[in-house]
Amino acid sequence: MNIKINLENIQTLTDFKRNAKDYLERIKSTKSPLVLTVNGKAEVVVHEAQAFQQMIDKLARLEEELEKFKLEALRSQIDIGIEQLENGQYTEYDDESLSAFFAKIKAQGQENLADSDSL
């Protein structure tokens, strides 16, 4: 389902009130939402109920898929970490070296932010 709002589907709330029956028939037949404006600003979207429910259902399915992908990625990263631990590919830190490590990460992060701000 690919819903796009075109300029024909943007109307004033006043005009919608005057011609509500016509607009509702058009929304039902086209399954396309109507944006209503108040003082030139988009305020409300009117949508056919079944098309809206389909959109909500699709969004819910996509959110479930995204969560599955996130979980798979996390499991993969954990597996990599376990493998690195088993192969001795890690560094041990004490209080002093850990502080230095965090300071280095902070400095790199600030440098990256400064670089991205200059773009």
Protein backbone atom coordinates (compact mmCIF):
# COMPACT_ATOMS: atom_id res chain seq x y z
CA MET A 1 0.00 0.00 0.00
CA ASN A 2 1.54 3.27 -1.10
CA ILE A 3 -0.40 6.31 0.06
CA LYS A 4 0.54 9.67 -1.33
CA ILE A 5 -1.18 12.95 -0.68
CA ASN A 6 -1.46 15.15 -3.73
CA LEU A 7 -2.52 18.76 -3.91
CA GLU A 8 -6.08 17.79 -4.86
CA ASN A 9 -6.36 16.09 -1.47
CA ILE A 10 -5.65 19.22 0.55
CA GLN A 11 -8.75 21.24 1.41
CA THR A 12 -9.84 23.78 3.96
CA LEU A 13 -11.83 22.62 6.95
CA THR A 14 -14.51 25.17 6.00
CA ASP A 15 -14.92 23.70 2.52
CA PHE A 16 -14.98 20.18 3.98
CA LYS A 17 -17.79 21.18 6.34
CA ARG A 18 -19.80 22.67 3.47
CA ASN A 19 -19.29 19.63 1.22
CA ALA A 20 -18.69 16.83 3.70
CA LYS A 21 -20.85 14.26 1.90
CA ASP A 22 -19.03 14.78 -1.42
CA TYR A 23 -15.62 14.60 0.23
CA LEU A 24 -16.52 11.45 2.15
CA GLU A 25 -17.69 9.75 -1.03
CA ARG A 26 -14.43 10.71 -2.75
CA ILE A 27 -12.34 9.44 0.18
CA LYS A 28 -14.23 6.14 0.19
CA SER A 29 -13.90 5.63 -3.56
CA THR A 30 -10.23 6.62 -3.86
CA LYS A 31 -9.06 5.23 -0.49
CA SER A 32 -6.82 8.30 -0.45
CA PRO A 33 -6.58 10.51 2.65
CA LEU A 34 -7.70 14.12 2.68
CA VAL A 35 -5.70 16.77 4.51
CA LEU A 36 -7.76 19.54 6.06
CA THR A 37 -6.24 22.93 6.71
CA VAL A 38 -7.09 25.62 9.21
CA ASN A 39 -5.71 29.09 8.48
CA GLY A 40 -3.51 27.59 5.75
CA LYS A 41 -1.87 25.05 8.07
CA ALA A 42 -2.43 21.28 7.78
CA GLU A 43 -4.32 20.25 10.92
CA VAL A 44 -6.27 17.02 10.31
CA VAL A 45 -6.17 14.01 8.02
CA VAL A 46 -9.44 12.27 7.13
CA HIS A 47 -8.97 8.70 5.92
CA GLU A 48 -11.25 5.85 4.89
CA ALA A 49 -11.46 3.48 7.88
CA GLN A 50 -10.52 0.21 6.14
CA ALA A 51 -7.55 1.79 4.32
CA PHE A 52 -6.42 3.34 7.60
CA GLN A 53 -6.64 -0.03 9.38
CA GLN A 54 -4.62 -1.65 6.60
CA MET A 55 -1.96 1.02 7.02
CA ILE A 56 -1.88 0.46 10.80
CA ASP A 57 -1.65 -3.33 10.32
CA LYS A 58 1.22 -2.91 7.85
CA LEU A 59 3.04 -0.60 10.24
CA ALA A 60 2.64 -3.15 13.05
CA ARG A 61 4.06 -5.92 10.83
CA LEU A 62 7.01 -3.73 9.85
CA GLU A 63 7.71 -2.90 13.49
CA GLU A 64 7.69 -6.63 14.33
CA GLU A 65 10.12 -7.33 11.46
CA LEU A 66 12.39 -4.52 12.60
CA GLU A 67 12.47 -5.93 16.12
CA LYS A 68 13.39 -9.37 14.72
CA PHE A 69 16.23 -7.83 12.68
CA LYS A 70 17.48 -5.94 15.73
CA LEU A 71 17.41 -9.12 17.81
CA GLU A 72 19.25 -11.08 15.11
CA ALA A 73 21.89 -8.35 14.86
CA LEU A 74 22.32 -8.31 18.64
CA ARG A 75 22.68 -12.09 18.75
CA SER A 76 25.25 -11.91 15.96
CA GLN A 77 27.25 -9.25 17.81
CA ILE A 78 27.11 -11.29 21.02
CA ASP A 79 28.33 -14.37 19.12
CA ILE A 80 31.22 -12.35 17.70
CA GLY A 81 32.08 -11.10 21.19
CA ILE A 82 32.03 -14.63 22.62
CA GLU A 83 34.24 -15.86 19.79
CA GLN A 84 36.69 -13.00 20.37
CA LEU A 85 36.80 -13.79 24.09
CA GLU A 86 37.43 -17.49 23.40
CA ASN A 87 40.23 -16.58 20.97
CA GLY A 88 41.87 -14.14 23.38
CA GLN A 89 41.04 -11.14 21.22
CA TYR A 90 40.36 -8.72 24.06
CA THR A 91 42.09 -6.17 26.26
CA GLU A 92 41.92 -6.06 30.04
CA TYR A 93 41.75 -2.68 31.71
CA ASP A 94 42.37 -1.46 35.24
CA ASP A 95 40.91 1.72 36.73
CA GLU A 96 43.65 3.94 35.31
CA SER A 97 43.76 2.46 31.81
CA LEU A 98 39.96 2.34 31.64
CA SER A 99 39.75 6.06 32.41
CA ALA A 100 42.26 6.78 29.65
CA PHE A 101 40.30 4.53 27.27
CA PHE A 102 37.04 6.42 27.98
CA ALA A 103 38.82 9.77 27.57
CA LYS A 104 40.11 8.63 24.17
CA ILE A 105 36.61 7.56 23.08
CA LYS A 106 35.17 10.89 24.27
CA ALA A 107 37.82 12.85 22.37
CA GLN A 108 37.19 10.84 19.20
CA GLY A 109 33.44 11.40 19.55
CA GLN A 110 33.91 15.14 19.97
CA GLU A 111 36.23 15.20 16.96
CA ASN A 112 33.66 13.32 14.88
CA LEU A 113 30.93 15.76 15.95
CA ALA A 114 33.12 18.72 15.04
CA ASP A 115 33.83 17.15 11.64
CA SER A 116 30.12 16.51 10.98
CA ASP A 117 29.21 20.07 12.01
CA SER A 118 31.65 21.47 9.44
CA LEU A 119 29.92 19.62 6.61
